PDB file of N, CA and C in Angstrom:
ATOM      1  N   UNK A   1       3.773 -12.933  12.204  1.00  0.00           N
ATOM      2  CA  UNK A   1       1.904 -12.759  12.595  1.00  0.00           C
ATOM      3  C   UNK A   1       1.477 -11.906  11.266  1.00  0.00           C
ATOM      4  N   UNK A   2       0.758 -12.489  10.592  1.00  0.00           N
ATOM      5  CA  UNK A   2      -0.357 -11.919   9.595  1.00  0.00           C
ATOM      6  C   UNK A   2      -1.826 -11.310  10.361  1.00  0.00           C
ATOM      7  N   UNK A   3      -2.190 -10.378  10.087  1.00  0.00           N
ATOM      8  CA  UNK A   3      -3.677  -9.856  10.157  1.00  0.00           C
ATOM      9  C   UNK A   3      -4.468  -9.622   9.022  1.00  0.00           C
ATOM     10  N   UNK A   4      -5.731 -10.377   9.173  1.00  0.00           N
ATOM     11  CA  UNK A   4      -6.559  -9.999   7.913  1.00  0.00           C
ATOM     12  C   UNK A   4      -7.019  -8.603   7.723  1.00  0.00           C
ATOM     13  N   UNK A   5      -6.465  -8.382   6.277  1.00  0.00           N
ATOM     14  CA  UNK A   5      -7.115  -6.782   5.724  1.00  0.00           C
ATOM     15  C   UNK A   5      -7.782  -6.714   4.884  1.00  0.00           C
ATOM     16  N   UNK A   6      -8.102  -5.846   4.258  1.00  0.00           N
ATOM     17  CA  UNK A   6      -8.770  -5.517   2.886  1.00  0.00           C
ATOM     18  C   UNK A   6      -7.904  -5.264   1.473  1.00  0.00           C
ATOM     19  N   UNK A   7      -6.603  -5.031   2.291  1.00  0.00           N
ATOM     20  CA  UNK A   7      -5.899  -5.152   1.467  1.00  0.00           C
ATOM     21  C   UNK A   7      -5.546  -6.434   0.384  1.00  0.00           C
ATOM     22  N   UNK A   8      -5.101  -6.332  -1.031  1.00  0.00           N
ATOM     23  CA  UNK A   8      -5.101  -7.399  -1.538  1.00  0.00           C
ATOM     24  C   UNK A   8      -3.455  -7.605  -2.478  1.00  0.00           C
ATOM     25  N   UNK A   9      -2.963  -8.504  -2.282  1.00  0.00           N
ATOM     26  CA  UNK A   9      -1.553  -8.084  -3.175  1.00  0.00           C
ATOM     27  C   UNK A   9      -1.501  -8.151  -4.462  1.00  0.00           C
ATOM     28  N   UNK A  10      -0.761  -7.664  -5.196  1.00  0.00           N
ATOM     29  CA  UNK A  10      -0.907  -7.213  -6.662  1.00  0.00           C
ATOM     30  C   UNK A  10      -1.804  -5.687  -6.920  1.00  0.00           C
ATOM     31  N   UNK A  11      -2.355  -5.280  -5.841  1.00  0.00           N
ATOM     32  CA  UNK A  11      -4.056  -4.240  -6.441  1.00  0.00           C
ATOM     33  C   UNK A  11      -3.442  -2.757  -6.022  1.00  0.00           C
ATOM     34  N   UNK A  12      -4.118  -1.899  -6.947  1.00  0.00           N
ATOM     35  CA  UNK A  12      -3.515  -0.890  -6.753  1.00  0.00           C
ATOM     36  C   UNK A  12      -4.410  -0.013  -5.985  1.00  0.00           C
ATOM     37  N   UNK A  13      -3.410   1.096  -4.833  1.00  0.00           N
ATOM     38  CA  UNK A  13      -4.425   1.770  -3.991  1.00  0.00           C
ATOM     39  C   UNK A  13      -3.321   3.176  -3.994  1.00  0.00           C
ATOM     40  N   UNK A  14      -4.538   4.285  -3.582  1.00  0.00           N
ATOM     41  CA  UNK A  14      -4.204   5.592  -3.325  1.00  0.00           C
ATOM     42  C   UNK A  14      -3.212   5.339  -1.785  1.00  0.00           C
ATOM     43  N   UNK A  15      -2.154   5.903  -1.687  1.00  0.00           N
ATOM     44  CA  UNK A  15      -1.467   5.967  -0.661  1.00  0.00           C
ATOM     45  C   UNK A  15      -1.377   7.401  -0.165  1.00  0.00           C
ATOM     46  N   UNK A  16      -2.188   7.578   0.828  1.00  0.00           N
ATOM     47  CA  UNK A  16      -2.666   9.253   1.694  1.00  0.00           C
ATOM     48  C   UNK A  16      -1.648   9.330   2.205  1.00  0.00           C
ATOM     49  N   UNK A  17      -0.245   8.908   2.724  1.00  0.00           N
ATOM     50  CA  UNK A  17       0.585   9.286   3.152  1.00  0.00           C
ATOM     51  C   UNK A  17       1.926  10.148   2.076  1.00  0.00           C
ATOM     52  N   UNK A  18       1.819   9.710   0.920  1.00  0.00           N
ATOM     53  CA  UNK A  18       2.710  10.159  -0.107  1.00  0.00           C
ATOM     54  C   UNK A  18       1.451  10.740  -1.321  1.00  0.00           C
ATOM     55  N   UNK A  19       0.522  10.820  -1.280  1.00  0.00           N
ATOM     56  CA  UNK A  19      -0.216  10.975  -2.224  1.00  0.00           C
ATOM     57  C   UNK A  19      -0.226  10.812  -3.484  1.00  0.00           C
ATOM     58  N   UNK A  20       0.223   9.502  -3.878  1.00  0.00           N
ATOM     59  CA  UNK A  20       0.217   8.654  -4.688  1.00  0.00           C
ATOM     60  C   UNK A  20      -0.034   7.213  -5.109  1.00  0.00           C
ATOM     61  N   UNK A  21      -0.478   6.777  -6.177  1.00  0.00           N
ATOM     62  CA  UNK A  21      -0.774   5.507  -6.461  1.00  0.00           C
ATOM     63  C   UNK A  21       0.451   4.653  -6.384  1.00  0.00           C
ATOM     64  N   UNK A  22      -0.150   3.672  -5.781  1.00  0.00           N
ATOM     65  CA  UNK A  22       1.274   2.243  -5.322  1.00  0.00           C
ATOM     66  C   UNK A  22       0.281   1.038  -5.327  1.00  0.00           C
ATOM     67  N   UNK A  23       1.497   0.021  -5.713  1.00  0.00           N
ATOM     68  CA  UNK A  23       0.805  -1.183  -5.727  1.00  0.00           C
ATOM     69  C   UNK A  23       1.274  -2.111  -4.658  1.00  0.00           C
ATOM     70  N   UNK A  24       0.257  -2.839  -3.995  1.00  0.00           N
ATOM     71  CA  UNK A  24       0.635  -3.731  -2.952  1.00  0.00           C
ATOM     72  C   UNK A  24       1.443  -4.868  -3.045  1.00  0.00           C
ATOM     73  N   UNK A  25       2.603  -5.438  -2.530  1.00  0.00           N
ATOM     74  CA  UNK A  25       3.399  -6.056  -2.645  1.00  0.00           C
ATOM     75  C   UNK A  25       3.161  -7.172  -1.692  1.00  0.00           C
ATOM     76  N   UNK A  26       3.436  -6.948  -0.465  1.00  0.00           N
ATOM     77  CA  UNK A  26       3.055  -7.977   0.930  1.00  0.00           C
ATOM     78  C   UNK A  26       2.952  -7.161   2.096  1.00  0.00           C
ATOM     79  N   UNK A  27       2.232  -8.159   3.257  1.00  0.00           N
ATOM     80  CA  UNK A  27       2.185  -7.823   4.236  1.00  0.00           C
ATOM     81  C   UNK A  27       3.439  -8.258   5.192  1.00  0.00           C
ATOM     82  N   UNK A  28       4.332  -7.245   5.624  1.00  0.00           N
ATOM     83  CA  UNK A  28       5.590  -7.205   5.774  1.00  0.00           C
ATOM     84  C   UNK A  28       6.046  -7.334   7.572  1.00  0.00           C
ATOM     85  N   UNK A  29       5.070  -6.915   7.956  1.00  0.00           N
ATOM     86  CA  UNK A  29       4.850  -6.993   9.374  1.00  0.00           C
ATOM     87  C   UNK A  29       3.803  -6.132  10.549  1.00  0.00           C
ATOM     88  N   UNK A  30       3.627  -6.600  11.312  1.00  0.00           N
ATOM     89  CA  UNK A  30       2.574  -5.848  12.577  1.00  0.00           C
ATOM     90  C   UNK A  30       3.287  -5.002  13.509  1.00  0.00           C
ATOM     91  N   UNK A  31       3.306  -3.788  13.345  1.00  0.00           N
ATOM     92  CA  UNK A  31       3.978  -2.827  14.448  1.00  0.00           C
ATOM     93  C   UNK A  31       2.478  -2.094  15.193  1.00  0.00           C
ATOM     94  N   UNK A  32       2.455  -2.609  16.491  1.00  0.00           N
ATOM     95  CA  UNK A  32       1.549  -2.056  17.718  1.00  0.00           C
ATOM     96  C   UNK A  32      -0.089  -2.682  17.061  1.00  0.00           C
ATOM     97  N   UNK A  33      -0.368  -3.511  16.616  1.00  0.00           N
ATOM     98  CA  UNK A  33      -1.279  -4.066  16.415  1.00  0.00           C
ATOM     99  C   UNK A  33      -1.673  -3.590  14.697  1.00  0.00           C
ATOM    100  N   UNK A  34      -1.218  -2.798  14.362  1.00  0.00           N
ATOM    101  CA  UNK A  34      -1.573  -2.419  12.600  1.00  0.00           C
ATOM    102  C   UNK A  34      -0.740  -3.058  11.640  1.00  0.00           C
ATOM    103  N   UNK A  35      -1.591  -3.761  10.612  1.00  0.00           N
ATOM    104  CA  UNK A  35      -0.268  -4.146   9.724  1.00  0.00           C
ATOM    105  C   UNK A  35       0.272  -3.560   8.535  1.00  0.00           C
ATOM    106  N   UNK A  36       1.378  -3.799   8.442  1.00  0.00           N
ATOM    107  CA  UNK A  36       2.318  -2.698   7.826  1.00  0.00           C
ATOM    108  C   UNK A  36       2.593  -3.813   6.132  1.00  0.00           C
ATOM    109  N   UNK A  37       2.264  -2.979   5.123  1.00  0.00           N
ATOM    110  CA  UNK A  37       2.705  -3.283   4.078  1.00  0.00           C
ATOM    111  C   UNK A  37       3.435  -2.741   3.131  1.00  0.00           C
ATOM    112  N   UNK A  38       4.116  -3.729   2.284  1.00  0.00           N
ATOM    113  CA  UNK A  38       5.160  -3.378   1.141  1.00  0.00           C
ATOM    114  C   UNK A  38       4.820  -2.968   0.257  1.00  0.00           C
ATOM    115  N   UNK A  39       4.693  -1.419  -0.313  1.00  0.00           N
ATOM    116  CA  UNK A  39       4.181  -1.132  -1.455  1.00  0.00           C
ATOM    117  C   UNK A  39       5.526  -0.611  -2.210  1.00  0.00           C
ATOM    118  N   UNK A  40       5.125  -0.631  -4.153  1.00  0.00           N
ATOM    119  CA  UNK A  40       5.651  -0.058  -4.665  1.00  0.00           C
ATOM    120  C   UNK A  40       5.119   0.903  -5.472  1.00  0.00           C
ATOM    121  N   UNK A  41       5.842   2.165  -5.796  1.00  0.00           N
ATOM    122  CA  UNK A  41       5.508   3.352  -6.988  1.00  0.00           C
ATOM    123  C   UNK A  41       6.412   3.729  -7.799  1.00  0.00           C
ATOM    124  N   UNK A  42       5.567   4.005  -8.870  1.00  0.00           N
ATOM    125  CA  UNK A  42       6.453   4.338  -9.877  1.00  0.00           C
ATOM    126  C   UNK A  42       6.952   5.835 -10.001  1.00  0.00           C
ATOM    127  N   UNK A  43       8.492   5.518 -10.592  1.00  0.00           N
ATOM    128  CA  UNK A  43       9.022   7.346 -10.352  1.00  0.00           C
ATOM    129  C   UNK A  43       8.997   7.500 -11.677  1.00  0.00           C
ATOM    130  N   UNK A  44       9.286   6.638 -12.598  1.00  0.00           N
ATOM    131  CA  UNK A  44       9.490   7.272 -14.052  1.00  0.00           C
ATOM    132  C   UNK A  44       9.718   5.967 -14.903  1.00  0.00           C
ATOM    133  N   UNK A  45      10.248   6.363 -16.003  1.00  0.00           N
ATOM    134  CA  UNK A  45      10.232   5.260 -16.639  1.00  0.00           C
ATOM    135  C   UNK A  45      10.999   4.167 -16.624  1.00  0.00           C
ATOM    136  N   UNK A  46      10.492   2.849 -15.998  1.00  0.00           N
ATOM    137  CA  UNK A  46      11.234   1.596 -15.313  1.00  0.00           C
ATOM    138  C   UNK A  46      11.633   1.940 -14.125  1.00  0.00           C
ATOM    139  N   UNK A  47      11.935   2.919 -13.308  1.00  0.00           N
ATOM    140  CA  UNK A  47      12.303   3.379 -12.131  1.00  0.00           C
ATOM    141  C   UNK A  47      10.938   2.966 -11.186  1.00  0.00           C
ATOM    142  N   UNK A  48      11.206   2.427 -10.022  1.00  0.00           N
ATOM    143  CA  UNK A  48      10.407   1.863  -8.859  1.00  0.00           C
ATOM    144  C   UNK A  48      10.777   2.132  -7.806  1.00  0.00           C
ATOM    145  N   UNK A  49      10.095   2.580  -6.510  1.00  0.00           N
ATOM    146  CA  UNK A  49      10.268   2.528  -5.444  1.00  0.00           C
ATOM    147  C   UNK A  49       9.547   1.607  -4.551  1.00  0.00           C
ATOM    148  N   UNK A  50      10.181   0.949  -3.319  1.00  0.00           N
ATOM    149  CA  UNK A  50       9.493   0.408  -2.662  1.00  0.00           C
ATOM    150  C   UNK A  50       9.426   0.859  -1.263  1.00  0.00           C
ATOM    151  N   UNK A  51       8.385   1.086  -0.476  1.00  0.00           N
ATOM    152  CA  UNK A  51       8.124   1.233   0.982  1.00  0.00           C
ATOM    153  C   UNK A  51       7.024   0.580   1.866  1.00  0.00           C
ATOM    154  N   UNK A  52       7.418   0.912   2.965  1.00  0.00           N
ATOM    155  CA  UNK A  52       6.556   0.395   4.201  1.00  0.00           C
ATOM    156  C   UNK A  52       5.768   1.563   4.986  1.00  0.00           C
ATOM    157  N   UNK A  53       4.353   1.076   4.427  1.00  0.00           N
ATOM    158  CA  UNK A  53       3.483   1.771   5.098  1.00  0.00           C
ATOM    159  C   UNK A  53       2.496   1.162   5.867  1.00  0.00           C
ATOM    160  N   UNK A  54       1.496   1.856   6.467  1.00  0.00           N
ATOM    161  CA  UNK A  54       0.632   0.802   7.707  1.00  0.00           C
ATOM    162  C   UNK A  54      -0.577   0.732   6.763  1.00  0.00           C
ATOM    163  N   UNK A  55      -1.249  -0.284   6.664  1.00  0.00           N
ATOM    164  CA  UNK A  55      -2.656  -0.633   5.910  1.00  0.00           C
ATOM    165  C   UNK A  55      -3.649   0.304   5.984  1.00  0.00           C
ATOM    166  N   UNK A  56      -3.661   1.091   7.065  1.00  0.00           N
ATOM    167  CA  UNK A  56      -4.821   1.794   6.981  1.00  0.00           C
ATOM    168  C   UNK A  56      -4.402   3.554   6.280  1.00  0.00           C
ATOM    169  N   UNK A  57      -3.237   3.759   5.723  1.00  0.00           N
ATOM    170  CA  UNK A  57      -3.242   4.835   4.685  1.00  0.00           C
ATOM    171  C   UNK A  57      -3.459   4.117   3.273  1.00  0.00           C
ATOM    172  N   UNK A  58      -3.685   2.795   2.894  1.00  0.00           N
ATOM    173  CA  UNK A  58      -4.106   2.534   1.667  1.00  0.00           C
ATOM    174  C   UNK A  58      -5.701   2.458   1.621  1.00  0.00           C
ATOM    175  N   UNK A  59      -5.931   3.446   0.267  1.00  0.00           N
ATOM    176  CA  UNK A  59      -7.183   3.736  -0.055  1.00  0.00           C
ATOM    177  C   UNK A  59      -7.157   2.779  -1.446  1.00  0.00           C
ATOM    178  N   UNK A  60      -8.556   2.538  -1.504  1.00  0.00           N
ATOM    179  CA  UNK A  60      -8.827   1.996  -2.928  1.00  0.00           C
ATOM    180  C   UNK A  60      -9.020   2.553  -4.166  1.00  0.00           C
ATOM    181  N   UNK A  61      -8.667   2.841  -5.381  1.00  0.00           N
ATOM    182  CA  UNK A  61      -8.681   3.840  -6.187  1.00  0.00           C
ATOM    183  C   UNK A  61      -9.943   4.182  -6.625  1.00  0.00           C
ATOM    184  N   UNK A  62     -10.921   3.449  -6.659  1.00  0.00           N
ATOM    185  CA  UNK A  62     -12.315   3.148  -6.837  1.00  0.00           C
ATOM    186  C   UNK A  62     -12.960   4.258  -5.634  1.00  0.00           C
ATOM    187  N   UNK A  63     -12.590   4.123  -4.744  1.00  0.00           N
ATOM    188  CA  UNK A  63     -13.406   5.372  -3.771  1.00  0.00           C
ATOM    189  C   UNK A  63     -12.684   6.485  -3.399  1.00  0.00           C
ATOM    190  N   UNK A  64     -11.582   6.329  -3.975  1.00  0.00           N
ATOM    191  CA  UNK A  64     -10.940   7.722  -4.154  1.00  0.00           C
ATOM    192  C   UNK A  64     -11.630   8.801  -5.178  1.00  0.00           C
ATOM    193  N   UNK A  65     -11.894   8.112  -6.275  1.00  0.00           N
ATOM    194  CA  UNK A  65     -12.152   8.629  -7.848  1.00  0.00           C
ATOM    195  C   UNK A  65     -13.589   9.323  -7.260  1.00  0.00           C
ATOM    196  N   UNK A  66     -14.279   8.451  -6.716  1.00  0.00           N
ATOM    197  CA  UNK A  66     -15.823   8.769  -6.369  1.00  0.00           C
ATOM    198  C   UNK A  66     -15.833   9.865  -5.427  1.00  0.00           C
TER     199      UNK A  66
END
């Protein structure tokens, strides 16, 4: 089941849970009515880690800078 959110595939967001910039990959689940997104963060040169976080913890980077 997919829920429409403002999160876009491939866009970069600030993840408030971990405090880092991540790239949204895809919506993978809905838990207690909240869409969960698989995101990818860069750890170093060529090293990346994927996490699953709720959509409400993703903030657009433009809004985070302003």
